[in-house]
Amino acid sequence: MLPSAASLAALRRQAKASAAIEPFLGYGDPVLTGQADCGQPLIPDKCPDEDTQVARSGHILTRRAQALSAVPSYFRNGLANVSELRKACPLPDTAYELKCVARSLGAEPSAVVLGAAMTETAVKSAPLDRYRIVHFATHGLLAGETALFMNARAEPALVMSPPAQPTEEDDGLLTASEIAGLKLDADWVVLSACNTAGGKEPGAEALSGLARAFFYAGARALLVSHWSVNSYAATMLMTRTFAELRNSRSIGRAEAFRGAMLALMSDDQRPWAAHPSAWAPFVVVGEGAEPLAVQTPPAAGGKRRDRQRASPAQSLDRRGRLVEPLSLF
């Protein structure tokens, strides 16, 4: 997805190749306590390039923090109300997602930052320009949701692990303005959360919020969402995309993502996944045809080398709300 064909030509002609030396850095599974109605997400026991088996119990969440009417209590005195922020539903399936993506890219285990280590402070202090792919798997907040409390904070945000006490540097919400101040050299930034293609403020054009902030920060391409995402679907789409890139040397990120969407909508055990609301929220923005450099996982005692590249009756969205199965007819 690009504004015009001319912009694609300019991007291919003028964009410099990333000088980043590490393949991947991922942040996810923030420390959240949730509430009684959050439910348990579905988590496969193996990655997509293995013989994946998915638990038949549990529920599916969305990656949106809370009901809209609850958002104003997320802020207090201009900073995030961390006690309310912690009530967002936990996302343990994002740990699985990031570990599988890291495996497909041949990244070290330390490239996956989870739980209490997944903080605003950690992101702002990390040498992000060392990583070719940066991946956030968490809850997303729209600008309009934050605007319900204070216009000065009317900007979209990603939910991080809340600190004990909020500060200007770390209040548990990584906002678009803070993202724009980061320094990246990434071929691809993956935002596996709800509404990450939303505008910078209520009524603003799409892609003017988190997406534009990451482009300002140095991303060459993004994977973002246009609406609330089903957490199981998001996990399967992300992990399968990078498994496709690992298995096919010549395809680009857009073609790999297309393969992941086809695999999800063909899941016979989960017919609801064939509905566009499950597989269609995400879009590749920027250069999607260029193959990525993917490292194969090292064999025992060997070195890495670069190469191009259980059906529930009900589910929960990543906001923790109960969702009835979708009917296609």
C-alpha atoms as a PDB file:
ATOM      1  CA  MET A   1       0.000   0.000   0.000  1.00  0.00           C
ATOM      2  CA  LEU A   2       1.421   3.375  -1.103  1.00  0.00           C
ATOM      3  CA  PRO A   3      -0.058   6.786  -1.981  1.00  0.00           C
ATOM      4  CA  SER A   4       0.805   6.385  -5.673  1.00  0.00           C
ATOM      5  CA  ALA A   5       2.834   4.408  -8.198  1.00  0.00           C
ATOM      6  CA  ALA A   6       5.245   7.337  -8.389  1.00  0.00           C
ATOM      7  CA  SER A   7       5.934   7.091  -4.667  1.00  0.00           C
ATOM      8  CA  LEU A   8       6.766   3.399  -5.080  1.00  0.00           C
ATOM      9  CA  ALA A   9       9.212   4.231  -7.881  1.00  0.00           C
ATOM     10  CA  ALA A  10      10.810   6.942  -5.739  1.00  0.00           C
ATOM     11  CA  LEU A  11      11.042   4.604  -2.757  1.00  0.00           C
ATOM     12  CA  ARG A  12      12.781   1.926  -4.808  1.00  0.00           C
ATOM     13  CA  ARG A  13      15.110   4.459  -6.444  1.00  0.00           C
ATOM     14  CA  GLN A  14      16.093   6.568  -3.448  1.00  0.00           C
ATOM     15  CA  ALA A  15      15.710   4.473  -0.301  1.00  0.00           C
ATOM     16  CA  LYS A  16      19.028   3.307   1.081  1.00  0.00           C
ATOM     17  CA  ALA A  17      19.480  -0.257   2.216  1.00  0.00           C
ATOM     18  CA  SER A  18      19.451  -0.801   5.938  1.00  0.00           C
ATOM     19  CA  ALA A  19      22.864  -0.932   7.587  1.00  0.00           C
ATOM     20  CA  ALA A  20      21.426  -2.739  10.617  1.00  0.00           C
ATOM     21  CA  ILE A  21      23.424  -5.800  11.597  1.00  0.00           C
ATOM     22  CA  GLU A  22      20.875  -7.709  13.705  1.00  0.00           C
ATOM     23  CA  PRO A  23      17.869  -9.434  12.138  1.00  0.00           C
ATOM     24  CA  PHE A  24      15.147  -8.882  14.704  1.00  0.00           C
ATOM     25  CA  LEU A  25      13.970  -7.213  17.896  1.00  0.00           C
ATOM     26  CA  GLY A  26      10.533  -7.903  19.360  1.00  0.00           C
ATOM     27  CA  TYR A  27       8.541  -6.492  22.272  1.00  0.00           C
ATOM     28  CA  GLY A  28       5.440  -8.165  23.681  1.00  0.00           C
ATOM     29  CA  ASP A  29       3.497  -9.855  26.477  1.00  0.00           C
ATOM     30  CA  PRO A  30       3.219  -6.766  28.720  1.00  0.00           C
ATOM     31  CA  VAL A  31       2.640  -7.343  32.439  1.00  0.00           C
ATOM     32  CA  LEU A  32      -1.127  -6.895  32.785  1.00  0.00           C
ATOM     33  CA  THR A  33      -3.462  -8.337  35.393  1.00  0.00           C
ATOM     34  CA  GLY A  34      -6.627  -8.346  33.328  1.00  0.00           C
ATOM     35  CA  GLN A  35     -10.147  -8.835  34.641  1.00  0.00           C
ATOM     36  CA  ALA A  36     -12.439 -11.789  35.226  1.00  0.00           C
ATOM     37  CA  ASP A  37     -13.885 -11.728  31.711  1.00  0.00           C
ATOM     38  CA  CYS A  38     -10.543 -11.744  29.872  1.00  0.00           C
ATOM     39  CA  GLY A  39     -10.517 -15.502  29.280  1.00  0.00           C
ATOM     40  CA  GLN A  40      -7.610 -17.656  28.099  1.00  0.00           C
ATOM     41  CA  PRO A  41      -6.127 -17.212  24.612  1.00  0.00           C
ATOM     42  CA  LEU A  42      -5.396 -20.068  22.243  1.00  0.00           C
ATOM     43  CA  ILE A  43      -1.661 -20.753  22.040  1.00  0.00           C
ATOM     44  CA  PRO A  44      -0.233 -23.375  19.658  1.00  0.00           C
ATOM     45  CA  ASP A  45       2.439 -25.661  21.028  1.00  0.00           C
ATOM     46  CA  LYS A  46       4.709 -25.341  17.989  1.00  0.00           C
ATOM     47  CA  CYS A  47       5.613 -22.718  15.405  1.00  0.00           C
ATOM     48  CA  PRO A  48       3.984 -22.723  11.939  1.00  0.00           C
ATOM     49  CA  ASP A  49       7.016 -24.302  10.267  1.00  0.00           C
ATOM     50  CA  GLU A  50       6.647 -27.229  12.655  1.00  0.00           C
ATOM     51  CA  ASP A  51       3.683 -29.568  13.153  1.00  0.00           C
ATOM     52  CA  THR A  52       1.474 -26.999  14.843  1.00  0.00           C
ATOM     53  CA  GLN A  53      -1.134 -28.221  17.281  1.00  0.00           C
ATOM     54  CA  VAL A  54      -3.510 -25.693  18.824  1.00  0.00           C
ATOM     55  CA  ALA A  55      -5.213 -26.168  22.167  1.00  0.00           C
ATOM     56  CA  ARG A  56      -8.924 -26.760  21.806  1.00  0.00           C
ATOM     57  CA  SER A  57      -9.865 -24.889  24.938  1.00  0.00           C
ATOM     58  CA  GLY A  58      -9.625 -21.225  25.799  1.00  0.00           C
ATOM     59  CA  HIS A  59     -10.773 -18.054  24.152  1.00  0.00           C
ATOM     60  CA  ILE A  60      -9.466 -15.605  21.634  1.00  0.00           C
ATOM     61  CA  LEU A  61      -8.707 -12.025  22.604  1.00  0.00           C
ATOM     62  CA  THR A  62      -8.236  -8.845  20.650  1.00  0.00           C
ATOM     63  CA  ARG A  63      -5.278  -6.514  20.941  1.00  0.00           C
ATOM     64  CA  ARG A  64      -7.319  -3.531  22.030  1.00  0.00           C
ATOM     65  CA  ALA A  65      -6.945  -2.586  25.644  1.00  0.00           C
ATOM     66  CA  GLN A  66     -10.477  -1.961  26.968  1.00  0.00           C
ATOM     67  CA  ALA A  67     -13.958  -0.879  26.149  1.00  0.00           C
ATOM     68  CA  LEU A  68     -14.045   2.657  24.781  1.00  0.00           C
ATOM     69  CA  SER A  69     -15.956   4.027  27.758  1.00  0.00           C
ATOM     70  CA  ALA A  70     -13.190   2.883  30.097  1.00  0.00           C
ATOM     71  CA  VAL A  71     -10.358   4.684  28.346  1.00  0.00           C
ATOM     72  CA  PRO A  72     -10.625   8.068  30.138  1.00  0.00           C
ATOM     73  CA  SER A  73      -9.564   6.403  33.370  1.00  0.00           C
ATOM     74  CA  TYR A  74      -6.305   5.390  31.696  1.00  0.00           C
ATOM     75  CA  PHE A  75      -4.966   8.895  32.387  1.00  0.00           C
ATOM     76  CA  ARG A  76      -4.393  10.942  35.504  1.00  0.00           C
ATOM     77  CA  ASN A  77      -2.706  14.349  35.638  1.00  0.00           C
ATOM     78  CA  GLY A  78      -1.584  13.996  32.028  1.00  0.00           C
ATOM     79  CA  LEU A  79       0.114  10.611  32.577  1.00  0.00           C
ATOM     80  CA  ALA A  80      -1.243   7.115  32.168  1.00  0.00           C
ATOM     81  CA  ASN A  81      -3.231   5.809  35.122  1.00  0.00           C
ATOM     82  CA  VAL A  82      -1.127   2.681  35.541  1.00  0.00           C
ATOM     83  CA  SER A  83      -3.521   0.970  37.946  1.00  0.00           C
ATOM     84  CA  GLU A  84      -6.249   1.110  35.274  1.00  0.00           C
ATOM     85  CA  LEU A  85      -3.838   0.260  32.475  1.00  0.00           C
ATOM     86  CA  ARG A  86      -2.870  -2.966  34.240  1.00  0.00           C
ATOM     87  CA  LYS A  87      -6.499  -4.117  34.012  1.00  0.00           C
ATOM     88  CA  ALA A  88      -6.133  -4.639  30.272  1.00  0.00           C
ATOM     89  CA  CYS A  89      -6.247  -8.296  29.308  1.00  0.00           C
ATOM     90  CA  PRO A  90      -2.897 -10.135  29.339  1.00  0.00           C
ATOM     91  CA  LEU A  91      -1.576 -11.334  25.987  1.00  0.00           C
ATOM     92  CA  PRO A  92       0.546 -14.442  26.649  1.00  0.00           C
ATOM     93  CA  ASP A  93       0.082 -15.529  23.045  1.00  0.00           C
ATOM     94  CA  THR A  94       2.264 -12.603  21.951  1.00  0.00           C
ATOM     95  CA  ALA A  95       5.245 -14.310  23.593  1.00  0.00           C
ATOM     96  CA  TYR A  96       4.638 -17.332  21.368  1.00  0.00           C
ATOM     97  CA  GLU A  97       4.290 -15.025  18.361  1.00  0.00           C
ATOM     98  CA  LEU A  98       7.573 -13.225  18.928  1.00  0.00           C
ATOM     99  CA  LYS A  99       9.538 -16.376  19.727  1.00  0.00           C
ATOM    100  CA  CYS A 100       8.331 -18.030  16.521  1.00  0.00           C
ATOM    101  CA  VAL A 101       9.172 -14.967  14.422  1.00  0.00           C
ATOM    102  CA  ALA A 102      12.630 -14.803  16.023  1.00  0.00           C
ATOM    103  CA  ARG A 103      13.112 -18.493  15.223  1.00  0.00           C
ATOM    104  CA  SER A 104      12.172 -17.956  11.569  1.00  0.00           C
ATOM    105  CA  LEU A 105      14.617 -15.057  11.296  1.00  0.00           C
ATOM    106  CA  GLY A 106      17.462 -16.825  13.075  1.00  0.00           C
ATOM    107  CA  ALA A 107      17.560 -14.225  15.848  1.00  0.00           C
ATOM    108  CA  GLU A 108      19.044 -14.793  19.276  1.00  0.00           C
ATOM    109  CA  PRO A 109      16.667 -15.453  22.214  1.00  0.00           C
ATOM    110  CA  SER A 110      17.722 -12.130  23.730  1.00  0.00           C
ATOM    111  CA  ALA A 111      16.072 -10.367  20.772  1.00  0.00           C
ATOM    112  CA  VAL A 112      12.651 -11.138  22.285  1.00  0.00           C
ATOM    113  CA  VAL A 113      11.799  -8.708  25.107  1.00  0.00           C
ATOM    114  CA  LEU A 114       8.858  -9.845  27.215  1.00  0.00           C
ATOM    115  CA  GLY A 115       7.001  -9.176  30.431  1.00  0.00           C
ATOM    116  CA  ALA A 116       8.509  -6.798  32.953  1.00  0.00           C
ATOM    117  CA  ALA A 117      11.385  -6.021  30.567  1.00  0.00           C
ATOM    118  CA  MET A 118       8.972  -4.735  27.902  1.00  0.00           C
ATOM    119  CA  THR A 119       8.840  -1.090  28.996  1.00  0.00           C
ATOM    120  CA  GLU A 120       8.913   2.366  27.478  1.00  0.00           C
ATOM    121  CA  THR A 121      12.309   2.880  29.051  1.00  0.00           C
ATOM    122  CA  ALA A 122      13.642  -0.275  27.409  1.00  0.00           C
ATOM    123  CA  VAL A 123      12.432   0.815  23.975  1.00  0.00           C
ATOM    124  CA  LYS A 124      13.760   4.360  24.280  1.00  0.00           C
ATOM    125  CA  SER A 125      17.182   3.214  25.501  1.00  0.00           C
ATOM    126  CA  ALA A 126      17.649   0.341  23.033  1.00  0.00           C
ATOM    127  CA  PRO A 127      19.934   0.711  19.992  1.00  0.00           C
ATOM    128  CA  LEU A 128      16.972   0.238  17.661  1.00  0.00           C
ATOM    129  CA  ASP A 129      18.970   1.164  14.568  1.00  0.00           C
ATOM    130  CA  ARG A 130      20.867  -2.130  14.912  1.00  0.00           C
ATOM    131  CA  TYR A 131      17.780  -4.177  13.937  1.00  0.00           C
ATOM    132  CA  ARG A 132      16.371  -4.797  10.452  1.00  0.00           C
ATOM    133  CA  ILE A 133      12.955  -5.881  11.734  1.00  0.00           C
ATOM    134  CA  VAL A 134      11.297  -4.396  14.829  1.00  0.00           C
ATOM    135  CA  HIS A 135       8.089  -6.059  16.038  1.00  0.00           C
ATOM    136  CA  PHE A 136       5.564  -4.920  18.670  1.00  0.00           C
ATOM    137  CA  ALA A 137       2.869  -7.400  19.768  1.00  0.00           C
ATOM    138  CA  THR A 138       0.594  -5.753  22.307  1.00  0.00           C
ATOM    139  CA  HIS A 139      -2.590  -3.698  22.735  1.00  0.00           C
ATOM    140  CA  GLY A 140      -3.159  -0.583  20.635  1.00  0.00           C
ATOM    141  CA  LEU A 141      -5.077   2.585  21.532  1.00  0.00           C
ATOM    142  CA  LEU A 142      -6.630   4.960  19.019  1.00  0.00           C
ATOM    143  CA  ALA A 143      -6.175   8.713  19.267  1.00  0.00           C
ATOM    144  CA  GLY A 144      -9.890   9.116  19.806  1.00  0.00           C
ATOM    145  CA  GLU A 145      -9.770   6.833  22.820  1.00  0.00           C
ATOM    146  CA  THR A 146      -7.081   8.844  24.555  1.00  0.00           C
ATOM    147  CA  ALA A 147      -8.824  12.080  23.533  1.00  0.00           C
ATOM    148  CA  LEU A 148     -11.793  11.170  25.700  1.00  0.00           C
ATOM    149  CA  PHE A 149      -9.770  12.177  28.707  1.00  0.00           C
ATOM    150  CA  MET A 150      -7.420  14.974  27.638  1.00  0.00           C
ATOM    151  CA  ASN A 151      -6.914  16.645  24.280  1.00  0.00           C
ATOM    152  CA  ALA A 152      -3.239  17.110  25.023  1.00  0.00           C
ATOM    153  CA  ARG A 153      -2.895  13.322  24.947  1.00  0.00           C
ATOM    154  CA  ALA A 154      -5.029  12.844  21.826  1.00  0.00           C
ATOM    155  CA  GLU A 155      -2.630  10.549  20.037  1.00  0.00           C
ATOM    156  CA  PRO A 156      -2.478   6.811  19.437  1.00  0.00           C
ATOM    157  CA  ALA A 157      -0.287   4.609  21.602  1.00  0.00           C
ATOM    158  CA  LEU A 158       1.041   1.107  22.169  1.00  0.00           C
ATOM    159  CA  VAL A 159       0.586  -0.448  25.604  1.00  0.00           C
ATOM    160  CA  MET A 160       3.819  -1.414  27.373  1.00  0.00           C
ATOM    161  CA  SER A 161       4.345  -2.945  30.813  1.00  0.00           C
ATOM    162  CA  PRO A 162       3.172  -0.254  33.256  1.00  0.00           C
ATOM    163  CA  PRO A 163       5.752   1.006  35.772  1.00  0.00           C
ATOM    164  CA  ALA A 164       5.126   1.117  39.504  1.00  0.00           C
ATOM    165  CA  GLN A 165       4.875   4.921  39.300  1.00  0.00           C
ATOM    166  CA  PRO A 166       4.278   6.804  36.040  1.00  0.00           C
ATOM    167  CA  THR A 167       6.751   9.433  34.861  1.00  0.00           C
ATOM    168  CA  GLU A 168       7.083  11.567  31.758  1.00  0.00           C
ATOM    169  CA  GLU A 169       9.687   9.092  30.514  1.00  0.00           C
ATOM    170  CA  ASP A 170       7.684   5.942  31.248  1.00  0.00           C
ATOM    171  CA  ASP A 171       3.951   5.818  31.953  1.00  0.00           C
ATOM    172  CA  GLY A 172       3.221   2.527  30.193  1.00  0.00           C
ATOM    173  CA  LEU A 173       2.000   4.074  26.925  1.00  0.00           C
ATOM    174  CA  LEU A 174       4.378   4.524  24.008  1.00  0.00           C
ATOM    175  CA  THR A 175       2.693   7.333  22.084  1.00  0.00           C
ATOM    176  CA  ALA A 176       3.072   8.400  18.473  1.00  0.00           C
ATOM    177  CA  SER A 177       5.032  11.529  19.387  1.00  0.00           C
ATOM    178  CA  GLU A 178       7.464   9.434  21.440  1.00  0.00           C
ATOM    179  CA  ILE A 179       7.830   6.938  18.593  1.00  0.00           C
ATOM    180  CA  ALA A 180       8.649   9.712  16.120  1.00  0.00           C
ATOM    181  CA  GLY A 181      11.651  10.585  18.298  1.00  0.00           C
ATOM    182  CA  LEU A 182      13.137   7.090  18.107  1.00  0.00           C
ATOM    183  CA  LYS A 183      16.023   6.230  15.779  1.00  0.00           C
ATOM    184  CA  LEU A 184      15.445   3.191  13.571  1.00  0.00           C
ATOM    185  CA  ASP A 185      17.112   1.724  10.498  1.00  0.00           C
ATOM    186  CA  ALA A 186      14.499  -0.967   9.929  1.00  0.00           C
ATOM    187  CA  ASP A 187      13.453  -2.618   6.690  1.00  0.00           C
ATOM    188  CA  TRP A 188      10.178  -3.570   8.349  1.00  0.00           C
ATOM    189  CA  VAL A 189       8.298  -2.562  11.499  1.00  0.00           C
ATOM    190  CA  VAL A 190       5.492  -4.933  12.479  1.00  0.00           C
ATOM    191  CA  LEU A 191       2.711  -3.512  14.674  1.00  0.00           C
ATOM    192  CA  SER A 192       0.712  -6.559  15.769  1.00  0.00           C
ATOM    193  CA  ALA A 193      -1.995  -4.679  17.642  1.00  0.00           C
ATOM    194  CA  CYS A 194      -5.414  -3.133  17.012  1.00  0.00           C
ATOM    195  CA  ASN A 195      -5.945  -0.046  14.851  1.00  0.00           C
ATOM    196  CA  THR A 196      -2.269   0.716  14.276  1.00  0.00           C
ATOM    197  CA  ALA A 197      -3.088   2.308  10.898  1.00  0.00           C
ATOM    198  CA  GLY A 198      -5.351   4.859  12.604  1.00  0.00           C
ATOM    199  CA  GLY A 199      -4.985   8.616  12.430  1.00  0.00           C
ATOM    200  CA  LYS A 200      -2.989  10.873  14.699  1.00  0.00           C
ATOM    201  CA  GLU A 201      -6.185  12.445  16.061  1.00  0.00           C
ATOM    202  CA  PRO A 202      -9.942  11.965  15.752  1.00  0.00           C
ATOM    203  CA  GLY A 203     -10.997  12.544  12.151  1.00  0.00           C
ATOM    204  CA  ALA A 204      -7.448  12.539  10.777  1.00  0.00           C
ATOM    205  CA  GLU A 205      -6.499  10.562   7.679  1.00  0.00           C
ATOM    206  CA  ALA A 206      -5.446   6.939   8.034  1.00  0.00           C
ATOM    207  CA  LEU A 207      -1.747   6.201   8.559  1.00  0.00           C
ATOM    208  CA  SER A 208      -1.158   9.633  10.105  1.00  0.00           C
ATOM    209  CA  GLY A 209      -0.671   8.269  13.649  1.00  0.00           C
ATOM    210  CA  LEU A 210       1.552   5.364  14.651  1.00  0.00           C
ATOM    211  CA  ALA A 211       2.352   4.529  11.024  1.00  0.00           C
ATOM    212  CA  ARG A 212       3.645   7.984  10.177  1.00  0.00           C
ATOM    213  CA  ALA A 213       5.551   8.137  13.463  1.00  0.00           C
ATOM    214  CA  PHE A 214       7.432   4.939  12.650  1.00  0.00           C
ATOM    215  CA  PHE A 215       8.224   6.200   9.151  1.00  0.00           C
ATOM    216  CA  TYR A 216       9.618   9.383  10.722  1.00  0.00           C
ATOM    217  CA  ALA A 217      11.680   7.227  13.054  1.00  0.00           C
ATOM    218  CA  GLY A 218      13.305   5.371  10.165  1.00  0.00           C
ATOM    219  CA  ALA A 219      11.114   2.453   9.061  1.00  0.00           C
ATOM    220  CA  ARG A 220      11.044   1.587   5.354  1.00  0.00           C
ATOM    221  CA  ALA A 221       7.903  -0.537   5.481  1.00  0.00           C
ATOM    222  CA  LEU A 222       5.202  -1.325   8.026  1.00  0.00           C
ATOM    223  CA  LEU A 223       2.645  -3.991   8.802  1.00  0.00           C
ATOM    224  CA  VAL A 224      -0.316  -2.232  10.427  1.00  0.00           C
ATOM    225  CA  SER A 225      -4.005  -2.875  11.133  1.00  0.00           C
ATOM    226  CA  HIS A 226      -7.154  -0.932  10.201  1.00  0.00           C
ATOM    227  CA  TRP A 227      -9.435  -2.290  12.936  1.00  0.00           C
ATOM    228  CA  SER A 228      -9.530  -4.429  16.086  1.00  0.00           C
ATOM    229  CA  VAL A 229      -7.649  -7.643  15.449  1.00  0.00           C
ATOM    230  CA  ASN A 230      -8.492 -11.114  16.639  1.00  0.00           C
ATOM    231  CA  SER A 231      -5.541 -12.157  18.764  1.00  0.00           C
ATOM    232  CA  TYR A 232      -5.368 -15.741  17.519  1.00  0.00           C
ATOM    233  CA  ALA A 233      -5.633 -14.544  13.919  1.00  0.00           C
ATOM    234  CA  ALA A 234      -2.921 -11.937  14.495  1.00  0.00           C
ATOM    235  CA  THR A 235      -0.623 -14.540  16.009  1.00  0.00           C
ATOM    236  CA  MET A 236      -1.137 -16.948  13.110  1.00  0.00           C
ATOM    237  CA  LEU A 237      -0.716 -14.230  10.483  1.00  0.00           C
ATOM    238  CA  MET A 238       2.526 -12.908  11.958  1.00  0.00           C
ATOM    239  CA  THR A 239       4.166 -16.254  12.611  1.00  0.00           C
ATOM    240  CA  ARG A 240       3.134 -17.745   9.261  1.00  0.00           C
ATOM    241  CA  THR A 241       4.356 -14.681   7.346  1.00  0.00           C
ATOM    242  CA  PHE A 242       7.877 -15.071   8.643  1.00  0.00           C
ATOM    243  CA  ALA A 243       7.781 -18.847   8.214  1.00  0.00           C
ATOM    244  CA  GLU A 244       6.934 -18.184   4.549  1.00  0.00           C
ATOM    245  CA  LEU A 245       9.870 -15.787   4.249  1.00  0.00           C
ATOM    246  CA  ARG A 246      12.178 -18.363   5.772  1.00  0.00           C
ATOM    247  CA  ASN A 247      11.014 -21.117   3.435  1.00  0.00           C
ATOM    248  CA  SER A 248      11.004 -19.097   0.194  1.00  0.00           C
ATOM    249  CA  ARG A 249      14.125 -17.227  -0.784  1.00  0.00           C
ATOM    250  CA  SER A 250      12.698 -15.072  -3.536  1.00  0.00           C
ATOM    251  CA  ILE A 251       9.339 -13.781  -2.276  1.00  0.00           C
ATOM    252  CA  GLY A 252       8.805 -10.369  -0.704  1.00  0.00           C
ATOM    253  CA  ARG A 253       7.005  -9.498   2.500  1.00  0.00           C
ATOM    254  CA  ALA A 254       3.696  -8.780   0.753  1.00  0.00           C
ATOM    255  CA  GLU A 255       3.642 -12.185  -0.941  1.00  0.00           C
ATOM    256  CA  ALA A 256       4.618 -13.887   2.320  1.00  0.00           C
ATOM    257  CA  PHE A 257       1.782 -12.104   4.102  1.00  0.00           C
ATOM    258  CA  ARG A 258      -0.635 -13.117   1.359  1.00  0.00           C
ATOM    259  CA  GLY A 259       0.356 -16.743   1.939  1.00  0.00           C
ATOM    260  CA  ALA A 260      -0.298 -16.335   5.651  1.00  0.00           C
ATOM    261  CA  MET A 261      -3.768 -14.904   4.994  1.00  0.00           C
ATOM    262  CA  LEU A 262      -4.635 -17.788   2.676  1.00  0.00           C
ATOM    263  CA  ALA A 263      -3.496 -20.306   5.274  1.00  0.00           C
ATOM    264  CA  LEU A 264      -5.608 -18.662   7.988  1.00  0.00           C
ATOM    265  CA  MET A 265      -8.792 -18.467   5.945  1.00  0.00           C
ATOM    266  CA  SER A 266      -8.337 -22.135   4.970  1.00  0.00           C
ATOM    267  CA  ASP A 267      -8.271 -23.354   8.604  1.00  0.00           C
ATOM    268  CA  ASP A 268     -10.944 -26.070   8.601  1.00  0.00           C
ATOM    269  CA  GLN A 269     -11.002 -26.262  12.404  1.00  0.00           C
ATOM    270  CA  ARG A 270     -11.837 -22.558  12.674  1.00  0.00           C
ATOM    271  CA  PRO A 271     -14.337 -21.626   9.957  1.00  0.00           C
ATOM    272  CA  TRP A 272     -14.751 -18.166  11.509  1.00  0.00           C
ATOM    273  CA  ALA A 273     -11.174 -17.408  10.376  1.00  0.00           C
ATOM    274  CA  ALA A 274     -12.392 -17.302   6.763  1.00  0.00           C
ATOM    275  CA  HIS A 275     -14.325 -14.104   7.504  1.00  0.00           C
ATOM    276  CA  PRO A 276     -12.493 -10.931   6.376  1.00  0.00           C
ATOM    277  CA  SER A 277     -12.773  -9.464   9.872  1.00  0.00           C
ATOM    278  CA  ALA A 278     -10.223 -12.087  10.967  1.00  0.00           C
ATOM    279  CA  TRP A 279      -7.688 -12.107   8.141  1.00  0.00           C
ATOM    280  CA  ALA A 280      -8.088  -8.700   6.451  1.00  0.00           C
ATOM    281  CA  PRO A 281      -7.313  -6.004   9.068  1.00  0.00           C
ATOM    282  CA  PHE A 282      -3.564  -5.916   8.389  1.00  0.00           C
ATOM    283  CA  VAL A 283      -1.888  -4.255   5.431  1.00  0.00           C
ATOM    284  CA  VAL A 284       1.708  -3.909   4.272  1.00  0.00           C
ATOM    285  CA  VAL A 285       2.576  -0.220   3.859  1.00  0.00           C
ATOM    286  CA  GLY A 286       5.635   0.743   1.859  1.00  0.00           C
ATOM    287  CA  GLU A 287       7.878  -1.496  -0.214  1.00  0.00           C
ATOM    288  CA  GLY A 288       6.388  -4.986  -0.112  1.00  0.00           C
ATOM    289  CA  ALA A 289       8.036  -6.775  -3.025  1.00  0.00           C
ATOM    290  CA  GLU A 290      11.685  -6.700  -1.973  1.00  0.00           C
ATOM    291  CA  PRO A 291      12.857 -10.002  -0.427  1.00  0.00           C
ATOM    292  CA  LEU A 292      14.171  -9.759   3.116  1.00  0.00           C
ATOM    293  CA  ALA A 293      17.488 -11.118   4.305  1.00  0.00           C
ATOM    294  CA  VAL A 294      16.521 -14.028   6.544  1.00  0.00           C
ATOM    295  CA  GLN A 295      18.988 -15.956   8.668  1.00  0.00           C
ATOM    296  CA  THR A 296      18.513 -19.681   8.959  1.00  0.00           C
ATOM    297  CA  PRO A 297      18.684 -21.013  12.531  1.00  0.00           C
ATOM    298  CA  PRO A 298      22.140 -22.503  13.213  1.00  0.00           C
ATOM    299  CA  ALA A 299      22.626 -26.244  13.209  1.00  0.00           C
ATOM    300  CA  ALA A 300      24.149 -27.791  16.314  1.00  0.00           C
ATOM    301  CA  GLY A 301      27.670 -26.434  16.624  1.00  0.00           C
ATOM    302  CA  GLY A 302      27.288 -24.525  13.374  1.00  0.00           C
ATOM    303  CA  LYS A 303      27.061 -20.912  12.315  1.00  0.00           C
ATOM    304  CA  ARG A 304      24.102 -19.017  11.026  1.00  0.00           C
ATOM    305  CA  ARG A 305      23.995 -18.017   7.405  1.00  0.00           C
ATOM    306  CA  ASP A 306      21.951 -15.383   5.656  1.00  0.00           C
ATOM    307  CA  ARG A 307      19.424 -16.335   3.018  1.00  0.00           C
ATOM    308  CA  GLN A 308      16.903 -14.265   1.087  1.00  0.00           C
ATOM    309  CA  ARG A 309      14.439 -15.062   1.203  1.00  0.00           C
ATOM    310  CA  ALA A 310      -8.821 -26.785  18.322  1.00  0.00           C
ATOM    311  CA  SER A 311     -11.954 -24.773  17.358  1.00  0.00           C
ATOM    312  CA  PRO A 312     -13.739 -22.873  20.200  1.00  0.00           C
ATOM    313  CA  ALA A 313     -17.449 -22.221  20.067  1.00  0.00           C
ATOM    314  CA  GLN A 314     -16.864 -18.655  21.188  1.00  0.00           C
ATOM    315  CA  SER A 315     -13.895 -16.342  21.263  1.00  0.00           C
ATOM    316  CA  LEU A 316     -12.712 -13.101  22.765  1.00  0.00           C
ATOM    317  CA  ASP A 317     -11.229 -10.244  20.886  1.00  0.00           C
ATOM    318  CA  ARG A 318      -7.922  -8.746  22.051  1.00  0.00           C
ATOM    319  CA  ARG A 319      -9.962  -6.312  23.992  1.00  0.00           C
ATOM    320  CA  GLY A 320     -11.325  -9.133  26.155  1.00  0.00           C
ATOM    321  CA  ARG A 321     -14.898  -8.946  24.805  1.00  0.00           C
ATOM    322  CA  LEU A 322     -16.900 -12.046  24.003  1.00  0.00           C
ATOM    323  CA  VAL A 323     -17.403 -12.567  20.275  1.00  0.00           C
ATOM    324  CA  GLU A 324     -19.879 -15.031  18.818  1.00  0.00           C
ATOM    325  CA  PRO A 325     -18.716 -17.102  15.817  1.00  0.00           C
ATOM    326  CA  LEU A 326     -19.188 -15.254  12.548  1.00  0.00           C
ATOM    327  CA  SER A 327     -21.606 -16.572   9.944  1.00  0.00           C
ATOM    328  CA  LEU A 328     -20.482 -16.378   6.346  1.00  0.00           C
ATOM    329  CA  PHE A 329     -23.986 -16.838   4.964  1.00  0.00           C
END
